[in-house]
Structures are given as structure tokens and as C-alpha cells.
Amino acid sequence: MNIASFWERVKYLIRTHKTTQPKIAELLGIPPGTFRNWIYHNRIPDVETACDLAVVLGVSVDFLVYGNERDIVEAHNTRLLERKTTAASISRLAKMIERKSRQI
């Protein structure tokens, strides 16, 4: 994940909603200085706050993290492929262990 891109999307959404960083911080229940520091020092909030931020901005956490829908779908497909590959590897390993145990 590109942290700078995360915050660029947040800043874009703040402008789009014609609101301000202090107002978003207020809605999140955090000090405005904390929110500002996250943005300018590229700090990612904890998961719960990131979820709250997505809700306040009217988008998904996936959008904040990955960007446009196409990027989200590609990242999801990559994770699925990795899981399938891992599952296949585990299955092959289990079969090898089973064959070895029969030989003993």
C-alpha cells in the first residue's frame, strides 16, 4: 500500500465534500492536530479509525487503500490467486506426507 496515495485520496475526498480536516477530525473524535499529523507525516491510523474515516468520507476502506475499483478488483484477484496457490501447495504437501507415512 502506498501511504501517500492513501492520504491523497483522503484529501481529495475532503475537498470533494467541501469540508475541512478539522471537521473530519471532529467527526472521528480525534484532535485536529493528530489528524493533520497523520496526513503530513504519512501515518496510517489504526484499523478502527481507518474504517470510521471511510464511513465519514462515504467510501470503502478498499478505496482509501487501493484507489479506483479496478485496482480493488485486481488486488482482490491477486489475493485469491495467492490463496489458491497456497491451498494447492498444502494439498500436495499433505499427499506427500501421507505417501511417506504409508512407506514407513
N, C-alpha and C. Protein backbone atom coordinates (compact mmCIF):
# COMPACT_ATOMS: atom_id res chain seq x y z
N MET A 1 0.85 -1.17 0.00
CA MET A 1 0.00 0.00 0.00
C MET A 1 0.89 1.23 0.00
N ASN A 2 0.55 2.18 -0.83
CA ASN A 2 1.26 3.44 -0.88
C ASN A 2 0.57 4.40 0.09
N ILE A 3 1.24 4.71 1.20
CA ILE A 3 0.64 5.55 2.24
C ILE A 3 0.33 6.94 1.72
N ALA A 4 1.23 7.51 0.91
CA ALA A 4 0.99 8.85 0.38
C ALA A 4 -0.28 8.86 -0.48
N SER A 5 -0.50 7.81 -1.25
CA SER A 5 -1.71 7.73 -2.08
C SER A 5 -2.96 7.64 -1.22
N PHE A 6 -2.88 6.92 -0.10
CA PHE A 6 -3.99 6.84 0.85
C PHE A 6 -4.41 8.25 1.26
N TRP A 7 -3.42 9.05 1.67
CA TRP A 7 -3.74 10.40 2.13
C TRP A 7 -4.13 11.33 1.00
N GLU A 8 -3.60 11.12 -0.19
CA GLU A 8 -4.03 11.93 -1.34
C GLU A 8 -5.51 11.69 -1.61
N ARG A 9 -5.95 10.44 -1.51
CA ARG A 9 -7.37 10.13 -1.71
C ARG A 9 -8.21 10.77 -0.61
N VAL A 10 -7.72 10.71 0.63
CA VAL A 10 -8.45 11.34 1.74
C VAL A 10 -8.58 12.84 1.50
N LYS A 11 -7.48 13.49 1.14
CA LYS A 11 -7.53 14.95 0.90
C LYS A 11 -8.45 15.28 -0.26
N TYR A 12 -8.43 14.47 -1.31
CA TYR A 12 -9.33 14.68 -2.45
C TYR A 12 -10.79 14.59 -2.00
N LEU A 13 -11.10 13.58 -1.19
CA LEU A 13 -12.48 13.41 -0.72
C LEU A 13 -12.91 14.54 0.20
N ILE A 14 -11.98 15.04 1.02
CA ILE A 14 -12.30 16.18 1.87
C ILE A 14 -12.66 17.39 1.01
N ARG A 15 -11.88 17.63 -0.04
CA ARG A 15 -12.19 18.74 -0.96
C ARG A 15 -13.52 18.50 -1.67
N THR A 16 -13.73 17.26 -2.13
CA THR A 16 -14.96 16.93 -2.85
C THR A 16 -16.19 17.16 -1.99
N HIS A 17 -16.08 16.84 -0.71
CA HIS A 17 -17.21 17.02 0.21
C HIS A 17 -17.30 18.45 0.74
N LYS A 18 -16.37 19.31 0.27
CA LYS A 18 -16.34 20.72 0.69
C LYS A 18 -16.34 20.84 2.21
N THR A 19 -15.46 20.07 2.82
CA THR A 19 -15.32 20.11 4.27
C THR A 19 -13.86 20.39 4.60
N THR A 20 -13.49 20.24 5.84
CA THR A 20 -12.13 20.54 6.26
C THR A 20 -11.55 19.39 7.08
N GLN A 21 -10.24 19.39 7.20
CA GLN A 21 -9.58 18.38 8.03
C GLN A 21 -10.04 18.47 9.48
N PRO A 22 -10.14 19.69 10.07
CA PRO A 22 -10.63 19.76 11.46
C PRO A 22 -12.05 19.20 11.62
N LYS A 23 -12.91 19.40 10.64
CA LYS A 23 -14.27 18.88 10.72
C LYS A 23 -14.25 17.34 10.67
N ILE A 24 -13.43 16.78 9.80
CA ILE A 24 -13.31 15.32 9.71
C ILE A 24 -12.76 14.77 11.03
N ALA A 25 -11.75 15.45 11.58
CA ALA A 25 -11.19 15.03 12.87
C ALA A 25 -12.26 15.04 13.95
N GLU A 26 -13.09 16.07 13.95
CA GLU A 26 -14.17 16.17 14.93
C GLU A 26 -15.14 14.99 14.77
N LEU A 27 -15.49 14.67 13.54
CA LEU A 27 -16.39 13.54 13.29
C LEU A 27 -15.78 12.21 13.73
N LEU A 28 -14.46 12.13 13.64
CA LEU A 28 -13.76 10.91 14.06
C LEU A 28 -13.52 10.88 15.57
N GLY A 29 -13.72 12.02 16.22
CA GLY A 29 -13.50 12.09 17.66
C GLY A 29 -12.03 12.14 18.05
N ILE A 30 -11.21 12.74 17.18
CA ILE A 30 -9.78 12.87 17.47
C ILE A 30 -9.38 14.34 17.37
N PRO A 31 -8.29 14.74 18.02
CA PRO A 31 -7.84 16.12 17.92
C PRO A 31 -7.44 16.46 16.47
N PRO A 32 -7.78 17.67 16.02
CA PRO A 32 -7.40 18.06 14.65
C PRO A 32 -5.90 17.96 14.39
N GLY A 33 -5.10 18.26 15.41
CA GLY A 33 -3.64 18.17 15.24
C GLY A 33 -3.18 16.75 14.96
N THR A 34 -3.82 15.80 15.59
CA THR A 34 -3.49 14.39 15.36
C THR A 34 -3.79 14.01 13.91
N PHE A 35 -4.97 14.40 13.45
CA PHE A 35 -5.36 14.09 12.07
C PHE A 35 -4.40 14.74 11.08
N ARG A 36 -4.09 16.01 11.32
CA ARG A 36 -3.17 16.75 10.44
C ARG A 36 -1.80 16.06 10.41
N ASN A 37 -1.32 15.63 11.59
CA ASN A 37 -0.02 14.97 11.64
C ASN A 37 -0.02 13.65 10.89
N TRP A 38 -1.11 12.90 10.98
CA TRP A 38 -1.20 11.65 10.21
C TRP A 38 -1.00 11.94 8.73
N ILE A 39 -1.70 12.97 8.26
CA ILE A 39 -1.63 13.30 6.83
C ILE A 39 -0.24 13.75 6.43
N TYR A 40 0.31 14.71 7.16
CA TYR A 40 1.58 15.31 6.73
C TYR A 40 2.81 14.47 7.06
N HIS A 41 2.65 13.51 7.95
CA HIS A 41 3.77 12.62 8.27
C HIS A 41 3.52 11.20 7.77
N ASN A 42 2.49 11.07 6.91
CA ASN A 42 2.16 9.78 6.29
C ASN A 42 2.05 8.64 7.31
N ARG A 43 1.24 8.86 8.32
CA ARG A 43 0.97 7.85 9.33
C ARG A 43 -0.43 7.27 9.07
N ILE A 44 -0.52 5.98 9.09
CA ILE A 44 -1.81 5.32 8.87
C ILE A 44 -2.49 5.15 10.23
N PRO A 45 -3.77 5.50 10.32
CA PRO A 45 -4.47 5.30 11.59
C PRO A 45 -4.72 3.82 11.85
N ASP A 46 -5.14 3.51 13.07
CA ASP A 46 -5.46 2.11 13.37
C ASP A 46 -6.66 1.69 12.51
N VAL A 47 -6.90 0.40 12.46
CA VAL A 47 -7.93 -0.16 11.59
C VAL A 47 -9.30 0.42 11.88
N GLU A 48 -9.66 0.51 13.14
CA GLU A 48 -10.98 1.04 13.51
C GLU A 48 -11.15 2.47 13.02
N THR A 49 -10.12 3.29 13.21
CA THR A 49 -10.21 4.69 12.77
C THR A 49 -10.22 4.78 11.25
N ALA A 50 -9.47 3.91 10.57
CA ALA A 50 -9.49 3.90 9.11
C ALA A 50 -10.89 3.55 8.61
N CYS A 51 -11.55 2.60 9.27
CA CYS A 51 -12.93 2.24 8.91
C CYS A 51 -13.86 3.42 9.14
N ASP A 52 -13.71 4.09 10.29
CA ASP A 52 -14.53 5.26 10.59
C ASP A 52 -14.30 6.36 9.57
N LEU A 53 -13.04 6.56 9.19
CA LEU A 53 -12.71 7.57 8.19
C LEU A 53 -13.39 7.27 6.86
N ALA A 54 -13.36 6.01 6.46
CA ALA A 54 -14.02 5.62 5.21
C ALA A 54 -15.52 5.91 5.28
N VAL A 55 -16.14 5.60 6.42
CA VAL A 55 -17.58 5.85 6.58
C VAL A 55 -17.86 7.35 6.50
N VAL A 56 -17.08 8.14 7.22
CA VAL A 56 -17.28 9.59 7.22
C VAL A 56 -17.14 10.16 5.81
N LEU A 57 -16.21 9.61 5.03
CA LEU A 57 -15.97 10.12 3.67
C LEU A 57 -16.87 9.46 2.62
N GLY A 58 -17.65 8.46 3.05
CA GLY A 58 -18.60 7.83 2.13
C GLY A 58 -17.98 6.89 1.11
N VAL A 59 -16.87 6.27 1.50
CA VAL A 59 -16.20 5.32 0.60
C VAL A 59 -15.86 4.06 1.39
N SER A 60 -15.33 3.07 0.71
CA SER A 60 -14.88 1.86 1.39
C SER A 60 -13.42 2.02 1.82
N VAL A 61 -13.01 1.22 2.78
CA VAL A 61 -11.61 1.20 3.17
C VAL A 61 -10.76 0.75 1.98
N ASP A 62 -11.31 -0.18 1.19
CA ASP A 62 -10.60 -0.63 -0.02
C ASP A 62 -10.28 0.55 -0.92
N PHE A 63 -11.24 1.46 -1.08
CA PHE A 63 -10.98 2.62 -1.94
C PHE A 63 -9.84 3.46 -1.36
N LEU A 64 -9.87 3.70 -0.05
CA LEU A 64 -8.79 4.50 0.54
C LEU A 64 -7.44 3.83 0.37
N VAL A 65 -7.42 2.52 0.49
CA VAL A 65 -6.15 1.78 0.42
C VAL A 65 -5.68 1.59 -1.02
N TYR A 66 -6.61 1.15 -1.90
CA TYR A 66 -6.20 0.76 -3.25
C TYR A 66 -6.51 1.77 -4.35
N GLY A 67 -7.45 2.63 -4.14
CA GLY A 67 -7.78 3.59 -5.18
C GLY A 67 -9.04 3.20 -5.91
N ASN A 68 -9.00 3.27 -7.23
CA ASN A 68 -10.22 3.03 -8.01
C ASN A 68 -10.66 1.57 -7.95
N GLU A 69 -11.88 1.35 -8.38
CA GLU A 69 -12.46 0.00 -8.31
C GLU A 69 -11.63 -1.04 -9.05
N ARG A 70 -11.09 -0.66 -10.16
CA ARG A 70 -10.28 -1.59 -10.94
C ARG A 70 -9.09 -2.08 -10.11
N ASP A 71 -8.45 -1.14 -9.39
CA ASP A 71 -7.33 -1.52 -8.54
C ASP A 71 -7.78 -2.46 -7.43
N ILE A 72 -8.97 -2.21 -6.90
CA ILE A 72 -9.50 -3.06 -5.83
C ILE A 72 -9.72 -4.47 -6.35
N VAL A 73 -10.33 -4.58 -7.52
CA VAL A 73 -10.61 -5.89 -8.12
C VAL A 73 -9.31 -6.63 -8.41
N GLU A 74 -8.32 -5.93 -8.97
CA GLU A 74 -7.04 -6.57 -9.27
C GLU A 74 -6.36 -7.06 -8.00
N ALA A 75 -6.39 -6.26 -6.94
CA ALA A 75 -5.76 -6.67 -5.68
C ALA A 75 -6.50 -7.88 -5.10
N HIS A 76 -7.81 -7.86 -5.18
CA HIS A 76 -8.61 -8.98 -4.68
C HIS A 76 -8.30 -10.25 -5.46
N ASN A 77 -8.24 -10.14 -6.78
CA ASN A 77 -7.94 -11.31 -7.62
C ASN A 77 -6.55 -11.86 -7.33
N THR A 78 -5.60 -10.96 -7.08
CA THR A 78 -4.24 -11.40 -6.75
C THR A 78 -4.24 -12.18 -5.45
N ARG A 79 -4.97 -11.67 -4.44
CA ARG A 79 -5.04 -12.38 -3.16
C ARG A 79 -5.71 -13.74 -3.32
N LEU A 80 -6.76 -13.80 -4.14
CA LEU A 80 -7.43 -15.09 -4.38
C LEU A 80 -6.48 -16.08 -5.03
N LEU A 81 -5.75 -15.63 -6.03
CA LEU A 81 -4.79 -16.49 -6.71
C LEU A 81 -3.73 -16.99 -5.74
N GLU A 82 -3.24 -16.09 -4.86
CA GLU A 82 -2.24 -16.50 -3.87
C GLU A 82 -2.82 -17.55 -2.93
N ARG A 83 -4.08 -17.37 -2.52
CA ARG A 83 -4.71 -18.35 -1.63
C ARG A 83 -4.87 -19.70 -2.32
N LYS A 84 -5.28 -19.68 -3.59
CA LYS A 84 -5.46 -20.93 -4.34
C LYS A 84 -4.12 -21.64 -4.49
N THR A 85 -3.08 -20.87 -4.78
CA THR A 85 -1.75 -21.45 -4.93
C THR A 85 -1.29 -22.05 -3.62
N THR A 86 -1.52 -21.35 -2.52
CA THR A 86 -1.14 -21.85 -1.20
C THR A 86 -1.93 -23.11 -0.87
N ALA A 87 -3.22 -23.10 -1.14
CA ALA A 87 -4.07 -24.27 -0.87
C ALA A 87 -3.58 -25.47 -1.67
N ALA A 88 -3.23 -25.25 -2.93
CA ALA A 88 -2.74 -26.35 -3.78
C ALA A 88 -1.41 -26.88 -3.23
N SER A 89 -0.55 -25.99 -2.78
CA SER A 89 0.74 -26.41 -2.21
C SER A 89 0.53 -27.22 -0.95
N ILE A 90 -0.38 -26.79 -0.10
CA ILE A 90 -0.68 -27.52 1.14
C ILE A 90 -1.25 -28.90 0.81
N SER A 91 -2.12 -28.96 -0.18
CA SER A 91 -2.71 -30.23 -0.59
C SER A 91 -1.63 -31.19 -1.09
N ARG A 92 -0.72 -30.70 -1.92
CA ARG A 92 0.37 -31.54 -2.43
C ARG A 92 1.26 -32.01 -1.28
N LEU A 93 1.54 -31.12 -0.33
CA LEU A 93 2.37 -31.47 0.81
C LEU A 93 1.69 -32.55 1.66
N ALA A 94 0.39 -32.41 1.88
CA ALA A 94 -0.36 -33.40 2.66
C ALA A 94 -0.30 -34.77 1.98
N LYS A 95 -0.43 -34.79 0.65
CA LYS A 95 -0.38 -36.06 -0.08
C LYS A 95 1.01 -36.69 0.03
N MET A 96 2.05 -35.85 -0.03
CA MET A 96 3.41 -36.38 0.11
C MET A 96 3.62 -36.98 1.49
N ILE A 97 3.13 -36.30 2.52
CA ILE A 97 3.26 -36.81 3.88
C ILE A 97 2.51 -38.13 4.03
N GLU A 98 1.33 -38.20 3.45
CA GLU A 98 0.53 -39.42 3.52
C GLU A 98 1.26 -40.57 2.85
N ARG A 99 1.85 -40.33 1.66
CA ARG A 99 2.59 -41.38 0.96
C ARG A 99 3.80 -41.83 1.78
N LYS A 100 4.49 -40.88 2.35
CA LYS A 100 5.68 -41.21 3.17
C LYS A 100 5.30 -42.02 4.39
N SER A 101 4.16 -41.64 5.03
CA SER A 101 3.74 -42.38 6.23
C SER A 101 3.34 -43.80 5.89
N ARG A 102 2.84 -44.03 4.68
CA ARG A 102 2.47 -45.40 4.24
C ARG A 102 3.73 -46.25 4.02
N GLN A 103 4.83 -45.59 3.62
CA GLN A 103 6.07 -46.30 3.35
C GLN A 103 6.76 -46.74 4.64
N ILE A 104 6.44 -46.08 5.71
CA ILE A 104 7.12 -46.37 6.98
C ILE A 104 6.55 -47.55 7.69
